[in-house]
Amino acid sequence: MWPSPWKSSHAWNISACARHCDENRNCVGFTARQPRHGKLLCWMYKGLQRQVDHLAMSYMKCIKGFECQDGFQFSHAGTWRSGKRIPHLDDEDMEECRLACRKDRGCVGFTHRVNREDDKFCLLFEDPDNRQGPSRDSRASTYSKCGQIEVLEENQTDEENQTDNEQDPAPASADE
């Protein structure tokens, strides 16, 4: 369980908590906790808020157990709101920015920005609750949205295959 949820609700089961999270564009995960009596409690967590910046590339720290190159996954061209510029990393390559974020337990992502004059800037994005790490609660489970782009592409491929299968006639049975 993380200490600072963004929104909370009640639900009858984990699937309903997941639906509440899916219905909120900013929700990146949720914790579902079963009290001794009553409905399940759902706490939702929001992620970083994207911000347009055509000169920046942003990367998210990977969750343990997922394969990512050097511990980070490309997020988007642009940045997020409320980044902390690291002056001693000005004019450094993206690798130095990545290492700074990797060393900081509170860092959840970074943006490397190169302006038209080829000046380089590093912005780190932190979640203070990450410094402590999660607390344990035997009545709670935490879930995170991940791979949304892959899921979307996978669903589109499944729909395309279904359409292709509907158009192709079924092969004749050997018994006929």
N, C-alpha and C. Protein backbone atom coordinates (compact mmCIF):
# COMPACT_ATOMS: atom_id res chain seq x y z
N MET A 1 0.83 -1.18 0.00
CA MET A 1 0.00 0.00 0.00
C MET A 1 0.88 1.24 0.00
N TRP A 2 0.53 2.21 -0.83
CA TRP A 2 1.23 3.49 -0.83
C TRP A 2 0.44 4.45 0.04
N PRO A 3 1.12 5.39 0.69
CA PRO A 3 0.44 6.24 1.66
C PRO A 3 -0.48 7.33 1.11
N SER A 4 -0.35 7.78 -0.13
CA SER A 4 -1.12 8.94 -0.59
C SER A 4 -1.99 8.65 -1.80
N PRO A 5 -3.19 8.14 -1.59
CA PRO A 5 -4.07 7.93 -2.75
C PRO A 5 -4.61 9.25 -3.29
N TRP A 6 -5.03 9.22 -4.54
CA TRP A 6 -5.58 10.39 -5.21
C TRP A 6 -7.09 10.42 -5.04
N LYS A 7 -7.75 9.28 -5.20
CA LYS A 7 -9.20 9.16 -5.04
C LYS A 7 -9.50 7.84 -4.34
N SER A 8 -10.67 7.76 -3.75
CA SER A 8 -11.06 6.49 -3.14
C SER A 8 -12.53 6.21 -3.46
N SER A 9 -12.89 4.93 -3.37
CA SER A 9 -14.27 4.51 -3.61
C SER A 9 -14.49 3.17 -2.92
N HIS A 10 -15.72 2.72 -2.95
CA HIS A 10 -16.07 1.40 -2.41
C HIS A 10 -16.52 0.53 -3.57
N ALA A 11 -16.28 -0.77 -3.47
CA ALA A 11 -16.69 -1.70 -4.52
C ALA A 11 -16.94 -3.07 -3.90
N TRP A 12 -17.62 -3.93 -4.67
CA TRP A 12 -17.91 -5.27 -4.19
C TRP A 12 -16.76 -6.23 -4.46
N ASN A 13 -15.94 -5.93 -5.49
CA ASN A 13 -14.83 -6.83 -5.81
C ASN A 13 -13.69 -6.08 -6.50
N ILE A 14 -12.58 -6.76 -6.73
CA ILE A 14 -11.40 -6.14 -7.34
C ILE A 14 -11.69 -5.70 -8.78
N SER A 15 -12.51 -6.45 -9.50
CA SER A 15 -12.85 -6.06 -10.87
C SER A 15 -13.54 -4.69 -10.89
N ALA A 16 -14.39 -4.44 -9.91
CA ALA A 16 -15.06 -3.13 -9.84
C ALA A 16 -14.05 -2.03 -9.53
N CYS A 17 -13.07 -2.32 -8.67
CA CYS A 17 -12.01 -1.34 -8.41
C CYS A 17 -11.25 -1.05 -9.70
N ALA A 18 -10.94 -2.09 -10.45
CA ALA A 18 -10.22 -1.92 -11.72
C ALA A 18 -11.03 -1.06 -12.69
N ARG A 19 -12.35 -1.28 -12.74
CA ARG A 19 -13.21 -0.47 -13.61
C ARG A 19 -13.17 1.00 -13.20
N HIS A 20 -13.24 1.25 -11.87
CA HIS A 20 -13.16 2.64 -11.39
C HIS A 20 -11.85 3.28 -11.86
N CYS A 21 -10.76 2.55 -11.76
CA CYS A 21 -9.46 3.07 -12.19
C CYS A 21 -9.45 3.29 -13.70
N ASP A 22 -9.95 2.33 -14.46
CA ASP A 22 -9.98 2.45 -15.92
C ASP A 22 -10.83 3.63 -16.39
N GLU A 23 -11.87 3.96 -15.63
CA GLU A 23 -12.75 5.07 -16.00
C GLU A 23 -12.12 6.43 -15.75
N ASN A 24 -11.03 6.46 -15.00
CA ASN A 24 -10.32 7.71 -14.70
C ASN A 24 -9.04 7.78 -15.51
N ARG A 25 -8.99 8.72 -16.43
CA ARG A 25 -7.86 8.83 -17.35
C ARG A 25 -6.51 8.94 -16.64
N ASN A 26 -6.47 9.60 -15.49
CA ASN A 26 -5.21 9.81 -14.78
C ASN A 26 -4.82 8.68 -13.84
N CYS A 27 -5.67 7.70 -13.66
CA CYS A 27 -5.39 6.60 -12.75
C CYS A 27 -4.33 5.67 -13.34
N VAL A 28 -3.28 5.40 -12.56
CA VAL A 28 -2.22 4.49 -13.02
C VAL A 28 -2.19 3.19 -12.23
N GLY A 29 -2.96 3.13 -11.16
CA GLY A 29 -3.01 1.92 -10.35
C GLY A 29 -3.94 2.11 -9.18
N PHE A 30 -4.16 1.02 -8.43
CA PHE A 30 -5.06 1.11 -7.27
C PHE A 30 -4.69 0.06 -6.25
N THR A 31 -5.11 0.32 -5.02
CA THR A 31 -5.00 -0.65 -3.93
C THR A 31 -6.41 -1.02 -3.53
N ALA A 32 -6.67 -2.30 -3.42
CA ALA A 32 -7.96 -2.80 -2.96
C ALA A 32 -7.75 -3.42 -1.58
N ARG A 33 -8.50 -2.97 -0.59
CA ARG A 33 -8.37 -3.48 0.78
C ARG A 33 -9.71 -3.95 1.28
N GLN A 34 -9.72 -5.17 1.76
CA GLN A 34 -10.95 -5.76 2.30
C GLN A 34 -10.99 -5.52 3.80
N PRO A 35 -11.92 -4.66 4.27
CA PRO A 35 -12.04 -4.47 5.73
C PRO A 35 -12.67 -5.72 6.36
N ARG A 36 -12.68 -5.77 7.65
CA ARG A 36 -13.29 -6.93 8.33
C ARG A 36 -14.78 -7.04 7.99
N HIS A 37 -15.44 -5.90 7.80
CA HIS A 37 -16.86 -5.90 7.46
C HIS A 37 -17.12 -4.85 6.39
N GLY A 38 -18.03 -5.14 5.47
CA GLY A 38 -18.43 -4.15 4.47
C GLY A 38 -17.74 -4.31 3.13
N LYS A 39 -17.95 -3.31 2.31
CA LYS A 39 -17.43 -3.33 0.94
C LYS A 39 -15.92 -3.14 0.90
N LEU A 40 -15.36 -3.58 -0.20
CA LEU A 40 -13.95 -3.41 -0.49
C LEU A 40 -13.65 -1.91 -0.63
N LEU A 41 -12.53 -1.48 -0.10
CA LEU A 41 -12.09 -0.09 -0.25
C LEU A 41 -11.10 -0.03 -1.41
N CYS A 42 -11.28 0.94 -2.29
CA CYS A 42 -10.39 1.09 -3.44
C CYS A 42 -9.73 2.46 -3.36
N TRP A 43 -8.41 2.48 -3.35
CA TRP A 43 -7.67 3.73 -3.38
C TRP A 43 -6.97 3.81 -4.72
N MET A 44 -7.22 4.89 -5.46
CA MET A 44 -6.61 5.06 -6.78
C MET A 44 -5.44 6.04 -6.69
N TYR A 45 -4.47 5.80 -7.56
CA TYR A 45 -3.28 6.63 -7.62
C TYR A 45 -3.14 7.20 -9.01
N LYS A 46 -2.77 8.49 -9.08
CA LYS A 46 -2.61 9.10 -10.39
C LYS A 46 -1.12 9.22 -10.71
N GLY A 47 -0.85 9.23 -11.99
CA GLY A 47 0.52 9.33 -12.45
C GLY A 47 0.89 10.76 -12.76
N LEU A 48 2.02 10.90 -13.39
CA LEU A 48 2.50 12.20 -13.80
C LEU A 48 1.59 12.75 -14.90
N GLN A 49 1.41 14.07 -14.92
CA GLN A 49 0.57 14.71 -15.91
C GLN A 49 1.43 15.19 -17.07
N ARG A 50 1.16 14.69 -18.25
CA ARG A 50 1.96 15.03 -19.43
C ARG A 50 1.86 16.51 -19.78
N GLN A 51 2.94 17.00 -20.38
CA GLN A 51 3.00 18.38 -20.82
C GLN A 51 3.71 18.41 -22.17
N VAL A 52 3.20 19.18 -23.11
CA VAL A 52 3.77 19.25 -24.45
C VAL A 52 5.14 19.95 -24.39
N ASP A 53 6.13 19.35 -25.03
CA ASP A 53 7.46 19.95 -25.18
C ASP A 53 8.12 19.20 -26.33
N HIS A 54 8.18 19.83 -27.49
CA HIS A 54 8.67 19.16 -28.69
C HIS A 54 10.18 18.93 -28.69
N LEU A 55 10.86 19.42 -27.68
CA LEU A 55 12.32 19.28 -27.62
C LEU A 55 12.76 18.29 -26.54
N ALA A 56 11.81 17.57 -25.95
CA ALA A 56 12.11 16.70 -24.82
C ALA A 56 11.66 15.26 -25.06
N MET A 57 12.36 14.35 -24.41
CA MET A 57 12.01 12.92 -24.42
C MET A 57 11.92 12.47 -22.96
N SER A 58 10.88 11.71 -22.63
CA SER A 58 10.64 11.32 -21.24
C SER A 58 10.65 9.81 -21.08
N TYR A 59 11.14 9.36 -19.93
CA TYR A 59 11.31 7.95 -19.63
C TYR A 59 10.81 7.67 -18.22
N MET A 60 10.13 6.52 -18.05
CA MET A 60 9.62 6.09 -16.75
C MET A 60 10.51 4.99 -16.19
N LYS A 61 10.69 5.01 -14.88
CA LYS A 61 11.44 3.95 -14.21
C LYS A 61 10.59 2.68 -14.28
N CYS A 62 11.23 1.57 -14.57
CA CYS A 62 10.49 0.31 -14.70
C CYS A 62 10.20 -0.32 -13.34
N ILE A 63 9.12 -1.04 -13.30
CA ILE A 63 8.75 -1.79 -12.11
C ILE A 63 9.54 -3.10 -12.13
N LYS A 64 9.99 -3.53 -10.96
CA LYS A 64 10.74 -4.78 -10.87
C LYS A 64 9.92 -5.91 -11.49
N GLY A 65 10.60 -6.77 -12.22
CA GLY A 65 9.93 -7.90 -12.86
C GLY A 65 9.60 -7.66 -14.32
N PHE A 66 9.69 -6.41 -14.78
CA PHE A 66 9.42 -6.08 -16.17
C PHE A 66 10.75 -5.84 -16.88
N GLU A 67 10.82 -6.26 -18.12
CA GLU A 67 12.04 -6.07 -18.89
C GLU A 67 12.06 -4.68 -19.50
N CYS A 68 13.10 -3.93 -19.18
CA CYS A 68 13.29 -2.60 -19.74
C CYS A 68 14.78 -2.40 -19.95
N GLN A 69 15.11 -1.59 -20.91
CA GLN A 69 16.50 -1.32 -21.18
C GLN A 69 17.05 -0.37 -20.11
N ASP A 70 18.06 -0.80 -19.41
CA ASP A 70 18.73 0.02 -18.38
C ASP A 70 17.78 0.51 -17.30
N GLY A 71 16.70 -0.20 -17.03
CA GLY A 71 15.80 0.14 -15.95
C GLY A 71 14.76 1.21 -16.26
N PHE A 72 14.70 1.65 -17.53
CA PHE A 72 13.74 2.69 -17.90
C PHE A 72 13.04 2.32 -19.20
N GLN A 73 11.83 2.84 -19.36
CA GLN A 73 11.05 2.62 -20.56
C GLN A 73 10.67 3.98 -21.14
N PHE A 74 10.82 4.12 -22.45
CA PHE A 74 10.42 5.37 -23.10
C PHE A 74 8.94 5.59 -22.83
N SER A 75 8.58 6.82 -22.43
CA SER A 75 7.19 7.14 -22.15
C SER A 75 6.58 7.94 -23.31
N HIS A 76 7.20 9.07 -23.65
CA HIS A 76 6.63 9.92 -24.70
C HIS A 76 7.58 11.05 -25.07
N ALA A 77 7.35 11.62 -26.24
CA ALA A 77 8.05 12.84 -26.63
C ALA A 77 7.33 13.97 -25.91
N GLY A 78 8.03 14.68 -25.08
CA GLY A 78 7.45 15.73 -24.26
C GLY A 78 7.95 15.58 -22.84
N THR A 79 7.27 16.19 -21.90
CA THR A 79 7.67 16.12 -20.51
C THR A 79 6.43 15.93 -19.64
N TRP A 80 6.57 16.13 -18.33
CA TRP A 80 5.46 16.10 -17.40
C TRP A 80 5.47 17.41 -16.62
N ARG A 81 4.40 17.66 -15.91
CA ARG A 81 4.33 18.85 -15.05
C ARG A 81 5.15 18.61 -13.78
N SER A 82 5.64 19.69 -13.21
CA SER A 82 6.28 19.70 -11.88
C SER A 82 7.60 18.93 -11.81
N GLY A 83 8.41 19.04 -12.83
CA GLY A 83 9.73 18.41 -12.80
C GLY A 83 10.72 19.27 -12.04
N LYS A 84 11.78 18.64 -11.58
CA LYS A 84 12.83 19.34 -10.86
C LYS A 84 14.08 19.35 -11.74
N ARG A 85 14.47 20.53 -12.21
CA ARG A 85 15.66 20.65 -13.05
C ARG A 85 16.90 20.44 -12.17
N ILE A 86 17.84 19.67 -12.70
CA ILE A 86 19.07 19.36 -11.98
C ILE A 86 20.20 20.15 -12.64
N PRO A 87 20.54 21.33 -12.10
CA PRO A 87 21.52 22.21 -12.75
C PRO A 87 22.88 21.57 -13.00
N HIS A 88 23.36 20.73 -12.09
CA HIS A 88 24.68 20.14 -12.31
C HIS A 88 24.68 19.12 -13.46
N LEU A 89 23.49 18.80 -13.99
CA LEU A 89 23.41 17.89 -15.15
C LEU A 89 23.16 18.64 -16.45
N ASP A 90 23.16 19.99 -16.39
CA ASP A 90 23.02 20.75 -17.63
C ASP A 90 24.18 20.40 -18.56
N ASP A 91 23.89 20.29 -19.83
CA ASP A 91 24.86 19.96 -20.88
C ASP A 91 25.43 18.55 -20.76
N GLU A 92 24.79 17.69 -19.97
CA GLU A 92 25.19 16.28 -19.89
C GLU A 92 24.31 15.45 -20.80
N ASP A 93 24.81 14.28 -21.19
CA ASP A 93 24.03 13.38 -22.02
C ASP A 93 22.88 12.77 -21.24
N MET A 94 21.98 12.15 -21.98
CA MET A 94 20.82 11.51 -21.36
C MET A 94 21.25 10.43 -20.36
N GLU A 95 22.35 9.75 -20.61
CA GLU A 95 22.82 8.69 -19.72
C GLU A 95 23.04 9.22 -18.30
N GLU A 96 23.60 10.41 -18.16
CA GLU A 96 23.83 11.00 -16.83
C GLU A 96 22.50 11.31 -16.14
N CYS A 97 21.55 11.75 -16.90
CA CYS A 97 20.21 12.03 -16.35
C CYS A 97 19.56 10.73 -15.87
N ARG A 98 19.68 9.69 -16.68
CA ARG A 98 19.14 8.37 -16.32
C ARG A 98 19.78 7.85 -15.04
N LEU A 99 21.09 7.98 -14.93
CA LEU A 99 21.80 7.50 -13.73
C LEU A 99 21.37 8.27 -12.49
N ALA A 100 21.16 9.58 -12.62
CA ALA A 100 20.72 10.38 -11.48
C ALA A 100 19.35 9.90 -10.99
N CYS A 101 18.46 9.61 -11.91
CA CYS A 101 17.13 9.12 -11.53
C CYS A 101 17.23 7.72 -10.92
N ARG A 102 18.05 6.90 -11.50
CA ARG A 102 18.18 5.52 -11.01
C ARG A 102 18.69 5.48 -9.57
N LYS A 103 19.59 6.40 -9.21
CA LYS A 103 20.16 6.44 -7.86
C LYS A 103 19.18 6.97 -6.82
N ASP A 104 18.14 7.67 -7.25
CA ASP A 104 17.18 8.30 -6.35
C ASP A 104 15.94 7.43 -6.22
N ARG A 105 15.73 6.86 -5.06
CA ARG A 105 14.59 5.95 -4.86
C ARG A 105 13.25 6.65 -5.10
N GLY A 106 13.19 7.94 -4.84
CA GLY A 106 11.96 8.70 -5.03
C GLY A 106 11.68 9.06 -6.48
N CYS A 107 12.68 8.92 -7.35
CA CYS A 107 12.52 9.29 -8.76
C CYS A 107 11.70 8.24 -9.50
N VAL A 108 10.67 8.69 -10.21
CA VAL A 108 9.83 7.77 -10.98
C VAL A 108 10.01 7.94 -12.48
N GLY A 109 10.70 9.01 -12.89
CA GLY A 109 10.93 9.23 -14.31
C GLY A 109 11.80 10.45 -14.52
N PHE A 110 12.26 10.61 -15.76
CA PHE A 110 13.07 11.78 -16.09
C PHE A 110 12.79 12.24 -17.50
N THR A 111 13.10 13.50 -17.74
CA THR A 111 13.01 14.09 -19.07
C THR A 111 14.37 14.64 -19.43
N HIS A 112 14.81 14.32 -20.63
CA HIS A 112 16.05 14.89 -21.16
C HIS A 112 15.63 15.81 -22.29
N ARG A 113 16.05 17.07 -22.19
CA ARG A 113 15.63 18.10 -23.15
C ARG A 113 16.85 18.69 -23.83
N VAL A 114 16.80 18.81 -25.14
CA VAL A 114 17.86 19.44 -25.92
C VAL A 114 17.21 20.57 -26.72
N ASN A 115 17.63 21.82 -26.45
CA ASN A 115 17.01 22.95 -27.14
C ASN A 115 17.67 23.19 -28.50
N ARG A 116 17.21 24.21 -29.20
CA ARG A 116 17.69 24.50 -30.56
C ARG A 116 19.16 24.91 -30.59
N GLU A 117 19.68 25.39 -29.48
CA GLU A 117 21.10 25.76 -29.40
C GLU A 117 21.96 24.59 -28.95
N ASP A 118 21.35 23.41 -28.86
CA ASP A 118 22.02 22.17 -28.42
C ASP A 118 22.38 22.18 -26.93
N ASP A 119 21.70 23.04 -26.14
CA ASP A 119 21.87 23.01 -24.69
C ASP A 119 21.03 21.84 -24.17
N LYS A 120 21.56 21.12 -23.19
CA LYS A 120 20.89 19.93 -22.66
C LYS A 120 20.47 20.18 -21.22
N PHE A 121 19.29 19.65 -20.87
CA PHE A 121 18.74 19.82 -19.53
C PHE A 121 18.17 18.50 -19.06
N CYS A 122 18.26 18.27 -17.75
CA CYS A 122 17.72 17.05 -17.13
C CYS A 122 16.69 17.46 -16.09
N LEU A 123 15.50 16.89 -16.18
CA LEU A 123 14.46 17.10 -15.18
C LEU A 123 14.10 15.76 -14.57
N LEU A 124 14.07 15.71 -13.25
CA LEU A 124 13.67 14.50 -12.54
C LEU A 124 12.27 14.70 -11.98
N PHE A 125 11.52 13.60 -11.95
CA PHE A 125 10.15 13.62 -11.43
C PHE A 125 10.10 12.64 -10.27
N GLU A 126 9.72 13.16 -9.11
CA GLU A 126 9.77 12.37 -7.90
C GLU A 126 8.39 12.17 -7.28
N ASP A 127 8.26 11.08 -6.58
CA ASP A 127 7.11 10.81 -5.73
C ASP A 127 7.69 10.60 -4.34
N PRO A 128 7.48 11.55 -3.43
CA PRO A 128 8.08 11.43 -2.10
C PRO A 128 7.73 10.12 -1.39
N ASP A 129 6.55 9.56 -1.68
CA ASP A 129 6.15 8.31 -1.03
C ASP A 129 7.02 7.14 -1.47
N ASN A 130 7.64 7.24 -2.63
CA ASN A 130 8.50 6.15 -3.10
C ASN A 130 9.74 5.99 -2.24
N ARG A 131 10.19 7.05 -1.59
CA ARG A 131 11.40 6.98 -0.77
C ARG A 131 11.25 5.93 0.32
N GLN A 132 10.09 5.87 0.94
CA GLN A 132 9.84 4.92 2.02
C GLN A 132 9.59 3.52 1.48
N GLY A 133 9.05 3.43 0.30
CA GLY A 133 8.61 2.15 -0.23
C GLY A 133 7.22 1.82 0.30
N PRO A 134 6.63 0.75 -0.20
CA PRO A 134 5.27 0.40 0.21
C PRO A 134 5.24 -0.19 1.62
N SER A 135 4.08 -0.06 2.26
CA SER A 135 3.89 -0.72 3.56
C SER A 135 3.17 -2.04 3.31
N ARG A 136 3.26 -2.93 4.25
CA ARG A 136 2.62 -4.24 4.11
C ARG A 136 1.26 -4.23 4.81
N ASP A 137 0.30 -4.88 4.16
CA ASP A 137 -1.04 -5.00 4.72
C ASP A 137 -1.62 -6.30 4.18
N SER A 138 -1.84 -7.27 5.05
CA SER A 138 -2.30 -8.59 4.60
C SER A 138 -3.71 -8.56 4.01
N ARG A 139 -4.45 -7.49 4.22
CA ARG A 139 -5.81 -7.38 3.70
C ARG A 139 -5.88 -6.56 2.41
N ALA A 140 -4.70 -6.15 1.88
CA ALA A 140 -4.69 -5.27 0.71
C ALA A 140 -3.82 -5.84 -0.41
N SER A 141 -4.21 -5.52 -1.63
CA SER A 141 -3.43 -5.86 -2.82
C SER A 141 -3.36 -4.61 -3.68
N THR A 142 -2.19 -4.36 -4.25
CA THR A 142 -2.00 -3.18 -5.09
C THR A 142 -1.77 -3.61 -6.52
N TYR A 143 -2.40 -2.91 -7.45
CA TYR A 143 -2.32 -3.22 -8.87
C TYR A 143 -1.88 -1.98 -9.62
N SER A 144 -1.14 -2.19 -10.69
CA SER A 144 -0.65 -1.08 -11.50
C SER A 144 -1.00 -1.33 -12.95
N LYS A 145 -1.42 -0.27 -13.66
CA LYS A 145 -1.63 -0.38 -15.10
C LYS A 145 -0.25 -0.42 -15.73
N CYS A 146 -0.07 -1.29 -16.67
CA CYS A 146 1.21 -1.32 -17.37
C CYS A 146 0.99 -1.84 -18.78
N GLY A 147 1.83 -1.41 -19.69
CA GLY A 147 1.76 -1.88 -21.07
C GLY A 147 0.47 -1.52 -21.77
N GLN A 148 -0.10 -0.34 -21.49
CA GLN A 148 -1.36 0.03 -22.12
C GLN A 148 -1.25 0.08 -23.63
N ILE A 149 -0.12 0.54 -24.15
CA ILE A 149 0.05 0.62 -25.60
C ILE A 149 0.09 -0.78 -26.18
N GLU A 150 0.82 -1.69 -25.52
CA GLU A 150 0.90 -3.06 -26.01
C GLU A 150 -0.47 -3.72 -26.00
N VAL A 151 -1.25 -3.48 -24.95
CA VAL A 151 -2.58 -4.08 -24.86
C VAL A 151 -3.45 -3.56 -25.99
N LEU A 152 -3.39 -2.26 -26.26
CA LEU A 152 -4.18 -1.67 -27.32
C LEU A 152 -3.80 -2.29 -28.66
N GLU A 153 -2.50 -2.40 -28.93
CA GLU A 153 -2.06 -3.00 -30.19
C GLU A 153 -2.48 -4.46 -30.27
N GLU A 154 -2.38 -5.15 -29.13
CA GLU A 154 -2.77 -6.56 -29.09
C GLU A 154 -4.25 -6.70 -29.39
N ASN A 155 -5.09 -5.84 -28.78
CA ASN A 155 -6.53 -5.89 -29.02
C ASN A 155 -6.86 -5.59 -30.48
N GLN A 156 -6.16 -4.62 -31.07
CA GLN A 156 -6.41 -4.30 -32.47
C GLN A 156 -6.04 -5.49 -33.34
N THR A 157 -4.93 -6.15 -33.03
CA THR A 157 -4.52 -7.32 -33.80
C THR A 157 -5.55 -8.43 -33.66
N ASP A 158 -6.06 -8.65 -32.43
CA ASP A 158 -7.09 -9.67 -32.23
C ASP A 158 -8.34 -9.34 -33.04
N GLU A 159 -8.76 -8.06 -33.05
CA GLU A 159 -9.94 -7.66 -33.81
C GLU A 159 -9.71 -7.85 -35.31
N GLU A 160 -8.50 -7.51 -35.78
CA GLU A 160 -8.19 -7.69 -37.20
C GLU A 160 -8.23 -9.18 -37.56
N ASN A 161 -7.67 -10.02 -36.68
CA ASN A 161 -7.69 -11.47 -36.93
C ASN A 161 -9.11 -12.00 -36.95
N GLN A 162 -9.93 -11.48 -36.02
CA GLN A 162 -11.33 -11.92 -35.97
C GLN A 162 -12.04 -11.54 -37.27
N THR A 163 -11.80 -10.33 -37.74
CA THR A 163 -12.41 -9.88 -39.00
C THR A 163 -11.92 -10.75 -40.15
N ASP A 164 -10.61 -11.04 -40.18
CA ASP A 164 -10.06 -11.90 -41.23
C ASP A 164 -10.68 -13.29 -41.18
N ASN A 165 -10.85 -13.83 -39.96
CA ASN A 165 -11.43 -15.17 -39.82
C ASN A 165 -12.88 -15.20 -40.27
N GLU A 166 -13.61 -14.08 -40.02
CA GLU A 166 -15.02 -14.04 -40.44
C GLU A 166 -15.11 -14.00 -41.96
N GLN A 167 -14.14 -13.39 -42.63
CA GLN A 167 -14.19 -13.28 -44.07
C GLN A 167 -13.72 -14.57 -44.75
N ASP A 168 -12.80 -15.30 -44.12
CA ASP A 168 -12.30 -16.54 -44.71
C ASP A 168 -13.32 -17.66 -44.47
N PRO A 169 -13.66 -18.42 -45.51
CA PRO A 169 -14.57 -19.54 -45.28
C PRO A 169 -13.88 -20.61 -44.45
N ALA A 170 -14.66 -21.30 -43.66
CA ALA A 170 -14.10 -22.38 -42.84
C ALA A 170 -13.65 -23.51 -43.73
N PRO A 171 -12.51 -24.15 -43.41
CA PRO A 171 -12.05 -25.26 -44.24
C PRO A 171 -13.05 -26.42 -44.18
N ALA A 172 -13.16 -27.13 -45.26
CA ALA A 172 -14.09 -28.27 -45.31
C ALA A 172 -13.63 -29.37 -44.38
N SER A 173 -14.57 -30.00 -43.74
CA SER A 173 -14.26 -31.09 -42.82
C SER A 173 -13.84 -32.32 -43.61
N ALA A 174 -12.94 -33.09 -43.04
CA ALA A 174 -12.46 -34.32 -43.70
C ALA A 174 -13.58 -35.37 -43.75
N ASP A 175 -14.57 -35.24 -42.86
CA ASP A 175 -15.65 -36.23 -42.81
C ASP A 175 -16.66 -36.01 -43.93
N GLU A 176 -16.69 -34.82 -44.57
CA GLU A 176 -17.72 -34.55 -45.58
C GLU A 176 -17.36 -35.12 -46.90
